[in-house]
Amino acid sequence: VVKNIGECFCKSYNKEFGLDFTVFRFFNTYGERQSSDFVVSKFLNAAINNSEITIHGDGLQTRTFCYILDNLDATINSFENN
């Protein structure tokens, strides 16, 4: 809901003031200094410690992960190249 509200604000500013915008919805970003609360950190810590790795659901779900530098490259490229 919060993401949608933010996008609505952007659309409103675009309509009112002509402000161009690009919305990025980053998901499952991983990289250095990542919080230990996120899935990649939890997975790696469990594997390193030879602990059980928790799988939720039936195990058939898929997720996509994106490295932080790839997210930054996409953002900068979008800004610099419109």
C-alpha atoms as a PDB file:
ATOM      1  CA  VAL A   1       0.000   0.000   0.000  1.00  0.00           C
ATOM      2  CA  VAL A   2       2.804   2.420   0.887  1.00  0.00           C
ATOM      3  CA  LYS A   3       4.489   1.822  -2.481  1.00  0.00           C
ATOM      4  CA  ASN A   4       1.216   2.526  -4.280  1.00  0.00           C
ATOM      5  CA  ILE A   5       0.710   5.745  -2.334  1.00  0.00           C
ATOM      6  CA  GLY A   6       4.199   6.917  -3.258  1.00  0.00           C
ATOM      7  CA  GLU A   7       3.495   6.180  -6.909  1.00  0.00           C
ATOM      8  CA  CYS A   8       0.207   8.101  -6.674  1.00  0.00           C
ATOM      9  CA  PHE A   9       2.094  11.136  -5.321  1.00  0.00           C
ATOM     10  CA  CYS A  10       4.492  10.920  -8.271  1.00  0.00           C
ATOM     11  CA  LYS A  11       1.612  10.700 -10.732  1.00  0.00           C
ATOM     12  CA  SER A  12      -0.083  13.687  -9.084  1.00  0.00           C
ATOM     13  CA  TYR A  13       3.070  15.801  -9.305  1.00  0.00           C
ATOM     14  CA  ASN A  14       3.458  14.746 -12.930  1.00  0.00           C
ATOM     15  CA  LYS A  15      -0.085  15.803 -13.715  1.00  0.00           C
ATOM     16  CA  GLU A  16       0.127  19.073 -11.771  1.00  0.00           C
ATOM     17  CA  PHE A  17       3.702  20.173 -12.475  1.00  0.00           C
ATOM     18  CA  GLY A  18       4.920  18.011 -15.375  1.00  0.00           C
ATOM     19  CA  LEU A  19       7.524  16.329 -13.178  1.00  0.00           C
ATOM     20  CA  ASP A  20       8.855  13.252 -14.949  1.00  0.00           C
ATOM     21  CA  PHE A  21       9.502  10.241 -12.772  1.00  0.00           C
ATOM     22  CA  THR A  22      10.603   6.647 -12.875  1.00  0.00           C
ATOM     23  CA  VAL A  23       9.488   4.108 -10.315  1.00  0.00           C
ATOM     24  CA  PHE A  24      11.796   1.318  -9.253  1.00  0.00           C
ATOM     25  CA  ARG A  25      10.412  -1.530  -7.207  1.00  0.00           C
ATOM     26  CA  PHE A  26      13.507  -3.283  -5.969  1.00  0.00           C
ATOM     27  CA  PHE A  27      12.983  -6.705  -4.524  1.00  0.00           C
ATOM     28  CA  ASN A  28      15.158  -9.197  -2.704  1.00  0.00           C
ATOM     29  CA  THR A  29      18.283  -7.092  -2.985  1.00  0.00           C
ATOM     30  CA  TYR A  30      21.388  -8.598  -1.463  1.00  0.00           C
ATOM     31  CA  GLY A  31      24.954  -7.482  -0.930  1.00  0.00           C
ATOM     32  CA  GLU A  32      27.557  -6.383   1.560  1.00  0.00           C
ATOM     33  CA  ARG A  33      26.350  -5.118   4.934  1.00  0.00           C
ATOM     34  CA  GLN A  34      22.887  -6.523   4.367  1.00  0.00           C
ATOM     35  CA  SER A  35      20.715  -6.843   7.443  1.00  0.00           C
ATOM     36  CA  SER A  36      20.807 -10.274   9.028  1.00  0.00           C
ATOM     37  CA  ASP A  37      16.981 -10.225   8.962  1.00  0.00           C
ATOM     38  CA  PHE A  38      16.789 -10.704   5.179  1.00  0.00           C
ATOM     39  CA  VAL A  39      16.399 -14.017   3.426  1.00  0.00           C
ATOM     40  CA  VAL A  40      19.824 -14.205   1.752  1.00  0.00           C
ATOM     41  CA  SER A  41      21.615 -13.481   5.046  1.00  0.00           C
ATOM     42  CA  LYS A  42      19.495 -16.026   6.882  1.00  0.00           C
ATOM     43  CA  PHE A  43      20.091 -18.648   4.197  1.00  0.00           C
ATOM     44  CA  LEU A  44      23.857 -18.096   4.113  1.00  0.00           C
ATOM     45  CA  ASN A  45      24.205 -18.011   7.909  1.00  0.00           C
ATOM     46  CA  ALA A  46      22.272 -21.264   8.220  1.00  0.00           C
ATOM     47  CA  ALA A  47      24.393 -22.906   5.512  1.00  0.00           C
ATOM     48  CA  ILE A  48      27.694 -21.702   7.003  1.00  0.00           C
ATOM     49  CA  ASN A  49      26.649 -22.902  10.463  1.00  0.00           C
ATOM     50  CA  ASN A  50      25.460 -26.245   9.077  1.00  0.00           C
ATOM     51  CA  SER A  51      21.972 -25.469  10.405  1.00  0.00           C
ATOM     52  CA  GLU A  52      18.623 -26.347   8.904  1.00  0.00           C
ATOM     53  CA  ILE A  53      17.476 -24.023   6.134  1.00  0.00           C
ATOM     54  CA  THR A  54      13.826 -23.126   6.541  1.00  0.00           C
ATOM     55  CA  ILE A  55      11.687 -23.411   3.434  1.00  0.00           C
ATOM     56  CA  HIS A  56       8.186 -21.958   3.636  1.00  0.00           C
ATOM     57  CA  GLY A  57       5.294 -23.405   1.664  1.00  0.00           C
ATOM     58  CA  ASP A  58       5.735 -26.502  -0.476  1.00  0.00           C
ATOM     59  CA  GLY A  59       9.191 -25.554  -1.764  1.00  0.00           C
ATOM     60  CA  LEU A  60       8.007 -25.001  -5.339  1.00  0.00           C
ATOM     61  CA  GLN A  61       7.935 -21.200  -5.136  1.00  0.00           C
ATOM     62  CA  THR A  62      10.624 -19.206  -6.898  1.00  0.00           C
ATOM     63  CA  ARG A  63      12.160 -15.855  -6.043  1.00  0.00           C
ATOM     64  CA  THR A  64      14.381 -13.490  -7.916  1.00  0.00           C
ATOM     65  CA  PHE A  65      17.353 -11.834  -6.249  1.00  0.00           C
ATOM     66  CA  CYS A  66      19.292  -8.801  -7.419  1.00  0.00           C
ATOM     67  CA  TYR A  67      22.751  -7.742  -6.286  1.00  0.00           C
ATOM     68  CA  ILE A  68      22.900  -4.206  -4.850  1.00  0.00           C
ATOM     69  CA  LEU A  69      25.414  -2.940  -7.431  1.00  0.00           C
ATOM     70  CA  ASP A  70      23.087  -4.055 -10.233  1.00  0.00           C
ATOM     71  CA  ASN A  71      20.267  -2.049  -8.639  1.00  0.00           C
ATOM     72  CA  LEU A  72      22.539   0.975  -8.388  1.00  0.00           C
ATOM     73  CA  ASP A  73      23.699   0.601 -11.995  1.00  0.00           C
ATOM     74  CA  ALA A  74      20.084   0.485 -13.182  1.00  0.00           C
ATOM     75  CA  THR A  75      19.162   3.562 -11.153  1.00  0.00           C
ATOM     76  CA  ILE A  76      22.150   5.606 -12.280  1.00  0.00           C
ATOM     77  CA  ASN A  77      21.718   4.513 -15.904  1.00  0.00           C
ATOM     78  CA  SER A  78      18.063   5.536 -15.835  1.00  0.00           C
ATOM     79  CA  PHE A  79      18.954   8.933 -14.392  1.00  0.00           C
ATOM     80  CA  GLU A  80      21.846   9.641 -16.733  1.00  0.00           C
ATOM     81  CA  ASN A  81      20.175   8.345 -19.878  1.00  0.00           C
ATOM     82  CA  ASN A  82      16.587   9.397 -19.227  1.00  0.00           C
END
